[in-house]
Amino acid sequence: MASPDPEDDLPEPPSLRFLRILVTVLTAVMIAGIIGILGLIWHRYSNARAPLPEVITLPDGTTASAYTQGTDWYAVITADDRILIFDRATGKLRQEMRIEPAE
């Protein structure tokens, strides 16, 4: 059996103990800061949505039943099974599609 090394029983110098605690605290603060920054970025961009148009002018006699949007367009699904795709910049009707019933 090996005899214990007498240098292992020496007390830790106070300056070394302070440095070890300081490094541990600074590491914890850095980790908390990175988690906080990532949380703020996630919160900011998870709620970001493209702005809705102020007014959508539908053809006469149509009523909207659903709405969706892309980067430069938005679409309205009407009660009479049509999809109306509008240009986001101008608000003009870009395309109209009729939804055919399933066979």
PDB file of N, CA and C in Angstrom:
ATOM      1  N   MET A   1       0.836  -1.164   0.000  1.00  0.00           N
ATOM      2  CA  MET A   1       0.000   0.000   0.000  1.00  0.00           C
ATOM      3  C   MET A   1       0.884   1.230   0.000  1.00  0.00           C
ATOM      4  N   ALA A   2       0.540   2.196  -0.839  1.00  0.00           N
ATOM      5  CA  ALA A   2       1.356   3.411  -0.957  1.00  0.00           C
ATOM      6  C   ALA A   2       1.036   4.343   0.192  1.00  0.00           C
ATOM      7  N   SER A   3       2.075   4.997   0.669  1.00  0.00           N
ATOM      8  CA  SER A   3       1.871   5.938   1.766  1.00  0.00           C
ATOM      9  C   SER A   3       1.306   7.237   1.205  1.00  0.00           C
ATOM     10  N   PRO A   4       0.429   7.904   1.955  1.00  0.00           N
ATOM     11  CA  PRO A   4      -0.151   9.158   1.473  1.00  0.00           C
ATOM     12  C   PRO A   4       0.923  10.218   1.313  1.00  0.00           C
ATOM     13  N   ASP A   5       0.762  11.013   0.257  1.00  0.00           N
ATOM     14  CA  ASP A   5       1.721  12.086  -0.032  1.00  0.00           C
ATOM     15  C   ASP A   5       1.469  13.228   0.952  1.00  0.00           C
ATOM     16  N   PRO A   6       2.468  13.691   1.666  1.00  0.00           N
ATOM     17  CA  PRO A   6       2.254  14.757   2.644  1.00  0.00           C
ATOM     18  C   PRO A   6       1.841  16.078   1.983  1.00  0.00           C
ATOM     19  N   GLU A   7       2.140  16.254   0.688  1.00  0.00           N
ATOM     20  CA  GLU A   7       1.736  17.496   0.020  1.00  0.00           C
ATOM     21  C   GLU A   7       0.233  17.534  -0.236  1.00  0.00           C
ATOM     22  N   ASP A   8      -0.456  16.392  -0.251  1.00  0.00           N
ATOM     23  CA  ASP A   8      -1.898  16.355  -0.468  1.00  0.00           C
ATOM     24  C   ASP A   8      -2.661  16.908   0.727  1.00  0.00           C
ATOM     25  N   ASP A   9      -2.057  16.914   1.893  1.00  0.00           N
ATOM     26  CA  ASP A   9      -2.726  17.378   3.100  1.00  0.00           C
ATOM     27  C   ASP A   9      -2.549  18.868   3.345  1.00  0.00           C
ATOM     28  N   LEU A  10      -1.842  19.556   2.475  1.00  0.00           N
ATOM     29  CA  LEU A  10      -1.620  20.990   2.675  1.00  0.00           C
ATOM     30  C   LEU A  10      -2.914  21.754   2.430  1.00  0.00           C
ATOM     31  N   PRO A  11      -3.164  22.786   3.202  1.00  0.00           N
ATOM     32  CA  PRO A  11      -4.382  23.575   2.990  1.00  0.00           C
ATOM     33  C   PRO A  11      -4.275  24.377   1.690  1.00  0.00           C
ATOM     34  N   GLU A  12      -5.422  24.650   1.115  1.00  0.00           N
ATOM     35  CA  GLU A  12      -5.480  25.412  -0.131  1.00  0.00           C
ATOM     36  C   GLU A  12      -5.208  26.886   0.166  1.00  0.00           C
ATOM     37  N   PRO A  13      -4.343  27.526  -0.615  1.00  0.00           N
ATOM     38  CA  PRO A  13      -4.084  28.951  -0.380  1.00  0.00           C
ATOM     39  C   PRO A  13      -5.372  29.764  -0.594  1.00  0.00           C
ATOM     40  N   PRO A  14      -5.591  30.815   0.208  1.00  0.00           N
ATOM     41  CA  PRO A  14      -6.829  31.603   0.093  1.00  0.00           C
ATOM     42  C   PRO A  14      -7.000  32.240  -1.290  1.00  0.00           C
ATOM     43  N   SER A  15      -5.921  32.679  -1.905  1.00  0.00           N
ATOM     44  CA  SER A  15      -6.049  33.305  -3.216  1.00  0.00           C
ATOM     45  C   SER A  15      -6.488  32.291  -4.274  1.00  0.00           C
ATOM     46  N   LEU A  16      -6.029  31.041  -4.177  1.00  0.00           N
ATOM     47  CA  LEU A  16      -6.429  30.005  -5.116  1.00  0.00           C
ATOM     48  C   LEU A  16      -7.899  29.631  -4.919  1.00  0.00           C
ATOM     49  N   ARG A  17      -8.327  29.580  -3.677  1.00  0.00           N
ATOM     50  CA  ARG A  17      -9.736  29.281  -3.389  1.00  0.00           C
ATOM     51  C   ARG A  17     -10.633  30.389  -3.935  1.00  0.00           C
ATOM     52  N   PHE A  18     -10.225  31.656  -3.746  1.00  0.00           N
ATOM     53  CA  PHE A  18     -10.993  32.785  -4.265  1.00  0.00           C
ATOM     54  C   PHE A  18     -11.063  32.717  -5.789  1.00  0.00           C
ATOM     55  N   LEU A  19      -9.971  32.403  -6.442  1.00  0.00           N
ATOM     56  CA  LEU A  19      -9.932  32.309  -7.898  1.00  0.00           C
ATOM     57  C   LEU A  19     -10.837  31.189  -8.401  1.00  0.00           C
ATOM     58  N   ARG A  20     -10.831  30.055  -7.722  1.00  0.00           N
ATOM     59  CA  ARG A  20     -11.694  28.935  -8.117  1.00  0.00           C
ATOM     60  C   ARG A  20     -13.166  29.305  -7.987  1.00  0.00           C
ATOM     61  N   ILE A  21     -13.547  29.964  -6.904  1.00  0.00           N
ATOM     62  CA  ILE A  21     -14.935  30.401  -6.714  1.00  0.00           C
ATOM     63  C   ILE A  21     -15.310  31.452  -7.752  1.00  0.00           C
ATOM     64  N   LEU A  22     -14.404  32.374  -8.044  1.00  0.00           N
ATOM     65  CA  LEU A  22     -14.657  33.416  -9.025  1.00  0.00           C
ATOM     66  C   LEU A  22     -14.897  32.819 -10.421  1.00  0.00           C
ATOM     67  N   VAL A  23     -14.074  31.861 -10.815  1.00  0.00           N
ATOM     68  CA  VAL A  23     -14.250  31.221 -12.123  1.00  0.00           C
ATOM     69  C   VAL A  23     -15.580  30.475 -12.183  1.00  0.00           C
ATOM     70  N   THR A  24     -15.957  29.796 -11.111  1.00  0.00           N
ATOM     71  CA  THR A  24     -17.226  29.078 -11.074  1.00  0.00           C
ATOM     72  C   THR A  24     -18.402  30.037 -11.193  1.00  0.00           C
ATOM     73  N   VAL A  25     -18.369  31.145 -10.450  1.00  0.00           N
ATOM     74  CA  VAL A  25     -19.456  32.132 -10.504  1.00  0.00           C
ATOM     75  C   VAL A  25     -19.531  32.765 -11.888  1.00  0.00           C
ATOM     76  N   LEU A  26     -18.405  33.137 -12.461  1.00  0.00           N
ATOM     77  CA  LEU A  26     -18.408  33.747 -13.790  1.00  0.00           C
ATOM     78  C   LEU A  26     -18.914  32.772 -14.855  1.00  0.00           C
ATOM     79  N   THR A  27     -18.593  31.508 -14.730  1.00  0.00           N
ATOM     80  CA  THR A  27     -19.111  30.503 -15.656  1.00  0.00           C
ATOM     81  C   THR A  27     -20.629  30.404 -15.549  1.00  0.00           C
ATOM     82  N   ALA A  28     -21.137  30.382 -14.327  1.00  0.00           N
ATOM     83  CA  ALA A  28     -22.582  30.318 -14.132  1.00  0.00           C
ATOM     84  C   ALA A  28     -23.271  31.560 -14.692  1.00  0.00           C
ATOM     85  N   VAL A  29     -22.675  32.741 -14.507  1.00  0.00           N
ATOM     86  CA  VAL A  29     -23.260  33.978 -15.037  1.00  0.00           C
ATOM     87  C   VAL A  29     -23.258  33.957 -16.564  1.00  0.00           C
ATOM     88  N   MET A  30     -22.191  33.475 -17.172  1.00  0.00           N
ATOM     89  CA  MET A  30     -22.141  33.392 -18.635  1.00  0.00           C
ATOM     90  C   MET A  30     -23.198  32.429 -19.170  1.00  0.00           C
ATOM     91  N   ILE A  31     -23.359  31.293 -18.545  1.00  0.00           N
ATOM     92  CA  ILE A  31     -24.365  30.328 -18.979  1.00  0.00           C
ATOM     93  C   ILE A  31     -25.763  30.929 -18.836  1.00  0.00           C
ATOM     94  N   ALA A  32     -26.042  31.576 -17.715  1.00  0.00           N
ATOM     95  CA  ALA A  32     -27.346  32.209 -17.520  1.00  0.00           C
ATOM     96  C   ALA A  32     -27.570  33.323 -18.542  1.00  0.00           C
ATOM     97  N   GLY A  33     -26.527  34.083 -18.872  1.00  0.00           N
ATOM     98  CA  GLY A  33     -26.659  35.153 -19.858  1.00  0.00           C
ATOM     99  C   GLY A  33     -26.964  34.622 -21.242  1.00  0.00           C
ATOM    100  N   ILE A  34     -26.295  33.566 -21.642  1.00  0.00           N
ATOM    101  CA  ILE A  34     -26.551  32.978 -22.961  1.00  0.00           C
ATOM    102  C   ILE A  34     -27.960  32.406 -23.024  1.00  0.00           C
ATOM    103  N   ILE A  35     -28.387  31.728 -21.961  1.00  0.00           N
ATOM    104  CA  ILE A  35     -29.756  31.200 -21.921  1.00  0.00           C
ATOM    105  C   ILE A  35     -30.758  32.354 -21.976  1.00  0.00           C
ATOM    106  N   GLY A  36     -30.480  33.437 -21.272  1.00  0.00           N
ATOM    107  CA  GLY A  36     -31.366  34.597 -21.301  1.00  0.00           C
ATOM    108  C   GLY A  36     -31.454  35.231 -22.677  1.00  0.00           C
ATOM    109  N   ILE A  37     -30.324  35.388 -23.345  1.00  0.00           N
ATOM    110  CA  ILE A  37     -30.317  35.970 -24.690  1.00  0.00           C
ATOM    111  C   ILE A  37     -31.062  35.072 -25.669  1.00  0.00           C
ATOM    112  N   LEU A  38     -30.820  33.776 -25.607  1.00  0.00           N
ATOM    113  CA  LEU A  38     -31.543  32.849 -26.479  1.00  0.00           C
ATOM    114  C   LEU A  38     -33.040  32.869 -26.196  1.00  0.00           C
ATOM    115  N   GLY A  39     -33.407  32.984 -24.933  1.00  0.00           N
ATOM    116  CA  GLY A  39     -34.819  33.082 -24.578  1.00  0.00           C
ATOM    117  C   GLY A  39     -35.463  34.348 -25.121  1.00  0.00           C
ATOM    118  N   LEU A  40     -34.761  35.465 -25.057  1.00  0.00           N
ATOM    119  CA  LEU A  40     -35.291  36.710 -25.607  1.00  0.00           C
ATOM    120  C   LEU A  40     -35.437  36.632 -27.127  1.00  0.00           C
ATOM    121  N   ILE A  41     -34.447  36.053 -27.798  1.00  0.00           N
ATOM    122  CA  ILE A  41     -34.540  35.896 -29.254  1.00  0.00           C
ATOM    123  C   ILE A  41     -35.716  35.000 -29.615  1.00  0.00           C
ATOM    124  N   TRP A  42     -35.866  33.885 -28.906  1.00  0.00           N
ATOM    125  CA  TRP A  42     -36.985  32.981 -29.172  1.00  0.00           C
ATOM    126  C   TRP A  42     -38.312  33.687 -28.941  1.00  0.00           C
ATOM    127  N   HIS A  43     -38.433  34.417 -27.843  1.00  0.00           N
ATOM    128  CA  HIS A  43     -39.682  35.111 -27.535  1.00  0.00           C
ATOM    129  C   HIS A  43     -39.995  36.174 -28.577  1.00  0.00           C
ATOM    130  N   ARG A  44     -38.981  36.885 -29.012  1.00  0.00           N
ATOM    131  CA  ARG A  44     -39.181  37.961 -29.996  1.00  0.00           C
ATOM    132  C   ARG A  44     -39.653  37.417 -31.336  1.00  0.00           C
ATOM    133  N   TYR A  45     -39.018  36.347 -31.809  1.00  0.00           N
ATOM    134  CA  TYR A  45     -39.335  35.845 -33.141  1.00  0.00           C
ATOM    135  C   TYR A  45     -40.440  34.802 -33.170  1.00  0.00           C
ATOM    136  N   SER A  46     -40.805  34.222 -32.060  1.00  0.00           N
ATOM    137  CA  SER A  46     -41.918  33.272 -32.082  1.00  0.00           C
ATOM    138  C   SER A  46     -43.249  33.996 -32.202  1.00  0.00           C
ATOM    139  N   ASN A  47     -43.304  35.245 -31.792  1.00  0.00           N
ATOM    140  CA  ASN A  47     -44.533  36.018 -31.881  1.00  0.00           C
ATOM    141  C   ASN A  47     -44.563  36.921 -33.102  1.00  0.00           C
ATOM    142  N   ALA A  48     -43.500  36.941 -33.898  1.00  0.00           N
ATOM    143  CA  ALA A  48     -43.436  37.822 -35.065  1.00  0.00           C
ATOM    144  C   ALA A  48     -44.276  37.237 -36.193  1.00  0.00           C
ATOM    145  N   ARG A  49     -45.168  38.024 -36.702  1.00  0.00           N
ATOM    146  CA  ARG A  49     -46.012  37.609 -37.816  1.00  0.00           C
ATOM    147  C   ARG A  49     -46.048  38.730 -38.841  1.00  0.00           C
ATOM    148  N   ALA A  50     -46.315  38.341 -40.055  1.00  0.00           N
ATOM    149  CA  ALA A  50     -46.455  39.346 -41.099  1.00  0.00           C
ATOM    150  C   ALA A  50     -47.711  40.178 -40.802  1.00  0.00           C
ATOM    151  N   PRO A  51     -47.655  41.468 -41.061  1.00  0.00           N
ATOM    152  CA  PRO A  51     -48.821  42.294 -40.752  1.00  0.00           C
ATOM    153  C   PRO A  51     -50.020  41.929 -41.622  1.00  0.00           C
ATOM    154  N   LEU A  52     -51.175  41.917 -41.010  1.00  0.00           N
ATOM    155  CA  LEU A  52     -52.403  41.637 -41.744  1.00  0.00           C
ATOM    156  C   LEU A  52     -52.813  42.879 -42.526  1.00  0.00           C
ATOM    157  N   PRO A  53     -53.446  42.702 -43.680  1.00  0.00           N
ATOM    158  CA  PRO A  53     -53.913  43.866 -44.414  1.00  0.00           C
ATOM    159  C   PRO A  53     -55.042  44.554 -43.647  1.00  0.00           C
ATOM    160  N   GLU A  54     -55.106  45.876 -43.791  1.00  0.00           N
ATOM    161  CA  GLU A  54     -56.150  46.651 -43.098  1.00  0.00           C
ATOM    162  C   GLU A  54     -57.538  46.252 -43.585  1.00  0.00           C
ATOM    163  N   VAL A  55     -57.702  46.189 -44.918  1.00  0.00           N
ATOM    164  CA  VAL A  55     -59.001  45.897 -45.514  1.00  0.00           C
ATOM    165  C   VAL A  55     -58.801  44.881 -46.628  1.00  0.00           C
ATOM    166  N   ILE A  56     -59.665  43.891 -46.668  1.00  0.00           N
ATOM    167  CA  ILE A  56     -59.667  42.923 -47.761  1.00  0.00           C
ATOM    168  C   ILE A  56     -60.992  43.086 -48.479  1.00  0.00           C
ATOM    169  N   THR A  57     -60.919  43.447 -49.747  1.00  0.00           N
ATOM    170  CA  THR A  57     -62.131  43.634 -50.536  1.00  0.00           C
ATOM    171  C   THR A  57     -62.408  42.363 -51.314  1.00  0.00           C
ATOM    172  N   LEU A  58     -63.495  41.688 -50.963  1.00  0.00           N
ATOM    173  CA  LEU A  58     -63.879  40.445 -51.621  1.00  0.00           C
ATOM    174  C   LEU A  58     -64.881  40.748 -52.724  1.00  0.00           C
ATOM    175  N   PRO A  59     -64.954  39.873 -53.718  1.00  0.00           N
ATOM    176  CA  PRO A  59     -65.990  40.056 -54.748  1.00  0.00           C
ATOM    177  C   PRO A  59     -67.379  40.034 -54.116  1.00  0.00           C
ATOM    178  N   ASP A  60     -68.325  40.702 -54.772  1.00  0.00           N
ATOM    179  CA  ASP A  60     -69.692  40.785 -54.241  1.00  0.00           C
ATOM    180  C   ASP A  60     -70.286  39.402 -54.026  1.00  0.00           C
ATOM    181  N   GLY A  61     -70.971  39.238 -52.922  1.00  0.00           N
ATOM    182  CA  GLY A  61     -71.679  38.006 -52.619  1.00  0.00           C
ATOM    183  C   GLY A  61     -70.822  36.911 -52.010  1.00  0.00           C
ATOM    184  N   THR A  62     -69.572  37.174 -51.729  1.00  0.00           N
ATOM    185  CA  THR A  62     -68.728  36.139 -51.124  1.00  0.00           C
ATOM    186  C   THR A  62     -68.507  36.441 -49.650  1.00  0.00           C
ATOM    187  N   THR A  63     -68.399  35.398 -48.889  1.00  0.00           N
ATOM    188  CA  THR A  63     -68.070  35.528 -47.468  1.00  0.00           C
ATOM    189  C   THR A  63     -66.844  34.668 -47.185  1.00  0.00           C
ATOM    190  N   ALA A  64     -65.990  35.176 -46.350  1.00  0.00           N
ATOM    191  CA  ALA A  64     -64.748  34.474 -46.023  1.00  0.00           C
ATOM    192  C   ALA A  64     -65.002  33.414 -44.973  1.00  0.00           C
ATOM    193  N   SER A  65     -64.352  32.259 -45.156  1.00  0.00           N
ATOM    194  CA  SER A  65     -64.445  31.215 -44.135  1.00  0.00           C
ATOM    195  C   SER A  65     -63.081  30.893 -43.537  1.00  0.00           C
ATOM    196  N   ALA A  66     -61.997  31.265 -44.245  1.00  0.00           N
ATOM    197  CA  ALA A  66     -60.647  31.035 -43.715  1.00  0.00           C
ATOM    198  C   ALA A  66     -59.690  32.019 -44.366  1.00  0.00           C
ATOM    199  N   TYR A  67     -58.526  32.166 -43.729  1.00  0.00           N
ATOM    200  CA  TYR A  67     -57.523  33.117 -44.198  1.00  0.00           C
ATOM    201  C   TYR A  67     -56.152  32.517 -43.966  1.00  0.00           C
ATOM    202  N   THR A  68     -55.245  32.718 -44.905  1.00  0.00           N
ATOM    203  CA  THR A  68     -53.851  32.319 -44.718  1.00  0.00           C
ATOM    204  C   THR A  68     -52.976  33.308 -45.458  1.00  0.00           C
ATOM    205  N   GLN A  69     -51.679  33.274 -45.168  1.00  0.00           N
ATOM    206  CA  GLN A  69     -50.801  34.248 -45.801  1.00  0.00           C
ATOM    207  C   GLN A  69     -49.423  33.669 -46.046  1.00  0.00           C
ATOM    208  N   GLY A  70     -48.768  34.218 -47.076  1.00  0.00           N
ATOM    209  CA  GLY A  70     -47.391  33.879 -47.406  1.00  0.00           C
ATOM    210  C   GLY A  70     -46.548  35.136 -47.281  1.00  0.00           C
ATOM    211  N   THR A  71     -45.376  35.118 -47.882  1.00  0.00           N
ATOM    212  CA  THR A  71     -44.483  36.266 -47.751  1.00  0.00           C
ATOM    213  C   THR A  71     -44.956  37.465 -48.547  1.00  0.00           C
ATOM    214  N   ASP A  72     -45.462  37.260 -49.769  1.00  0.00           N
ATOM    215  CA  ASP A  72     -45.909  38.393 -50.574  1.00  0.00           C
ATOM    216  C   ASP A  72     -47.349  38.229 -51.055  1.00  0.00           C
ATOM    217  N   TRP A  73     -48.102  37.373 -50.417  1.00  0.00           N
ATOM    218  CA  TRP A  73     -49.500  37.151 -50.787  1.00  0.00           C
ATOM    219  C   TRP A  73     -50.300  36.770 -49.558  1.00  0.00           C
ATOM    220  N   TYR A  74     -51.612  36.867 -49.680  1.00  0.00           N
ATOM    221  CA  TYR A  74     -52.517  36.312 -48.679  1.00  0.00           C
ATOM    222  C   TYR A  74     -53.692  35.709 -49.420  1.00  0.00           C
ATOM    223  N   ALA A  75     -54.314  34.719 -48.835  1.00  0.00           N
ATOM    224  CA  ALA A  75     -55.405  33.997 -49.486  1.00  0.00           C
ATOM    225  C   ALA A  75     -56.614  33.961 -48.570  1.00  0.00           C
ATOM    226  N   VAL A  76     -57.773  34.048 -49.196  1.00  0.00           N
ATOM    227  CA  VAL A  76     -59.045  33.949 -48.491  1.00  0.00           C
ATOM    228  C   VAL A  76     -59.802  32.772 -49.083  1.00  0.00           C
ATOM    229  N   ILE A  77     -60.257  31.883 -48.240  1.00  0.00           N
ATOM    230  CA  ILE A  77     -61.087  30.768 -48.680  1.00  0.00           C
ATOM    231  C   ILE A  77     -62.515  31.194 -48.428  1.00  0.00           C
ATOM    232  N   THR A  78     -63.336  31.121 -49.448  1.00  0.00           N
ATOM    233  CA  THR A  78     -64.712  31.609 -49.341  1.00  0.00           C
ATOM    234  C   THR A  78     -65.657  30.470 -48.993  1.00  0.00           C
ATOM    235  N   ALA A  79     -66.865  30.834 -48.613  1.00  0.00           N
ATOM    236  CA  ALA A  79     -67.873  29.844 -48.231  1.00  0.00           C
ATOM    237  C   ALA A  79     -68.345  29.036 -49.430  1.00  0.00           C
ATOM    238  N   ASP A  80     -68.184  29.568 -50.640  1.00  0.00           N
ATOM    239  CA  ASP A  80     -68.597  28.822 -51.838  1.00  0.00           C
ATOM    240  C   ASP A  80     -67.430  28.047 -52.457  1.00  0.00           C
ATOM    241  N   ASP A  81     -66.473  27.651 -51.643  1.00  0.00           N
ATOM    242  CA  ASP A  81     -65.348  26.782 -52.022  1.00  0.00           C
ATOM    243  C   ASP A  81     -64.469  27.362 -53.127  1.00  0.00           C
ATOM    244  N   ARG A  82     -64.021  28.581 -52.935  1.00  0.00           N
ATOM    245  CA  ARG A  82     -63.045  29.200 -53.826  1.00  0.00           C
ATOM    246  C   ARG A  82     -61.888  29.698 -52.977  1.00  0.00           C
ATOM    247  N   ILE A  83     -60.714  29.702 -53.572  1.00  0.00           N
ATOM    248  CA  ILE A  83     -59.536  30.273 -52.927  1.00  0.00           C
ATOM    249  C   ILE A  83     -59.162  31.516 -53.723  1.00  0.00           C
ATOM    250  N   LEU A  84     -59.154  32.655 -53.051  1.00  0.00           N
ATOM    251  CA  LEU A  84     -58.811  33.922 -53.678  1.00  0.00           C
ATOM    252  C   LEU A  84     -57.439  34.342 -53.163  1.00  0.00           C
ATOM    253  N   ILE A  85     -56.464  34.454 -54.064  1.00  0.00           N
ATOM    254  CA  ILE A  85     -55.106  34.817 -53.673  1.00  0.00           C
ATOM    255  C   ILE A  85     -54.867  36.266 -54.081  1.00  0.00           C
ATOM    256  N   PHE A  86     -54.509  37.090 -53.108  1.00  0.00           N
ATOM    257  CA  PHE A  86     -54.292  38.513 -53.315  1.00  0.00           C
ATOM    258  C   PHE A  86     -52.814  38.854 -53.178  1.00  0.00           C
ATOM    259  N   ASP A  87     -52.385  39.869 -53.909  1.00  0.00           N
ATOM    260  CA  ASP A  87     -51.021  40.385 -53.784  1.00  0.00           C
ATOM    261  C   ASP A  87     -50.936  41.231 -52.515  1.00  0.00           C
ATOM    262  N   ARG A  88     -49.941  41.004 -51.686  1.00  0.00           N
ATOM    263  CA  ARG A  88     -49.832  41.733 -50.421  1.00  0.00           C
ATOM    264  C   ARG A  88     -49.532  43.217 -50.647  1.00  0.00           C
ATOM    265  N   ALA A  89     -48.721  43.549 -51.632  1.00  0.00           N
ATOM    266  CA  ALA A  89     -48.317  44.941 -51.840  1.00  0.00           C
ATOM    267  C   ALA A  89     -49.454  45.790 -52.403  1.00  0.00           C
ATOM    268  N   THR A  90     -50.199  45.244 -53.362  1.00  0.00           N
ATOM    269  CA  THR A  90     -51.235  46.041 -54.027  1.00  0.00           C
ATOM    270  C   THR A  90     -52.637  45.736 -53.540  1.00  0.00           C
ATOM    271  N   GLY A  91     -52.853  44.562 -52.989  1.00  0.00           N
ATOM    272  CA  GLY A  91     -54.186  44.171 -52.550  1.00  0.00           C
ATOM    273  C   GLY A  91     -55.067  43.686 -53.688  1.00  0.00           C
ATOM    274  N   LYS A  92     -54.509  43.562 -54.884  1.00  0.00           N
ATOM    275  CA  LYS A  92     -55.283  43.116 -56.042  1.00  0.00           C
ATOM    276  C   LYS A  92     -55.348  41.594 -56.084  1.00  0.00           C
ATOM    277  N   LEU A  93     -56.448  41.099 -56.655  1.00  0.00           N
ATOM    278  CA  LEU A  93     -56.639  39.660 -56.800  1.00  0.00           C
ATOM    279  C   LEU A  93     -55.605  39.121 -57.784  1.00  0.00           C
ATOM    280  N   ARG A  94     -54.785  38.189 -57.337  1.00  0.00           N
ATOM    281  CA  ARG A  94     -53.727  37.616 -58.168  1.00  0.00           C
ATOM    282  C   ARG A  94     -54.208  36.345 -58.868  1.00  0.00           C
ATOM    283  N   GLN A  95     -54.961  35.516 -58.126  1.00  0.00           N
ATOM    284  CA  GLN A  95     -55.388  34.229 -58.678  1.00  0.00           C
ATOM    285  C   GLN A  95     -56.645  33.774 -57.957  1.00  0.00           C
ATOM    286  N   GLU A  96     -57.484  33.059 -58.691  1.00  0.00           N
ATOM    287  CA  GLU A  96     -58.687  32.484 -58.108  1.00  0.00           C
ATOM    288  C   GLU A  96     -58.753  31.021 -58.501  1.00  0.00           C
ATOM    289  N   MET A  97     -59.031  30.161 -57.509  1.00  0.00           N
ATOM    290  CA  MET A  97     -59.121  28.729 -57.761  1.00  0.00           C
ATOM    291  C   MET A  97     -60.415  28.210 -57.158  1.00  0.00           C
ATOM    292  N   ARG A  98     -61.060  27.318 -57.869  1.00  0.00           N
ATOM    293  CA  ARG A  98     -62.273  26.668 -57.361  1.00  0.00           C
ATOM    294  C   ARG A  98     -61.862  25.315 -56.794  1.00  0.00           C
ATOM    295  N   ILE A  99     -62.368  25.005 -55.635  1.00  0.00           N
ATOM    296  CA  ILE A  99     -62.092  23.722 -54.992  1.00  0.00           C
ATOM    297  C   ILE A  99     -63.165  22.734 -55.466  1.00  0.00           C
ATOM    298  N   GLU A 100     -62.718  21.713 -56.177  1.00  0.00           N
ATOM    299  CA  GLU A 100     -63.643  20.718 -56.705  1.00  0.00           C
ATOM    300  C   GLU A 100     -63.938  19.673 -55.631  1.00  0.00           C
ATOM    301  N   PRO A 101     -65.176  19.201 -55.572  1.00  0.00           N
ATOM    302  CA  PRO A 101     -65.490  18.155 -54.579  1.00  0.00           C
ATOM    303  C   PRO A 101     -64.786  16.847 -54.922  1.00  0.00           C
ATOM    304  N   ALA A 102     -64.503  16.066 -53.906  1.00  0.00           N
ATOM    305  CA  ALA A 102     -63.834  14.778 -54.084  1.00  0.00           C
ATOM    306  C   ALA A 102     -64.795  13.806 -54.747  1.00  0.00           C
ATOM    307  N   GLU A 103     -64.249  12.923 -55.559  1.00  0.00           N
ATOM    308  CA  GLU A 103     -65.072  11.944 -56.256  1.00  0.00           C
ATOM    309  C   GLU A 103     -65.296  10.715 -55.424  1.00  0.00           C
TER     310      GLU A 103
END
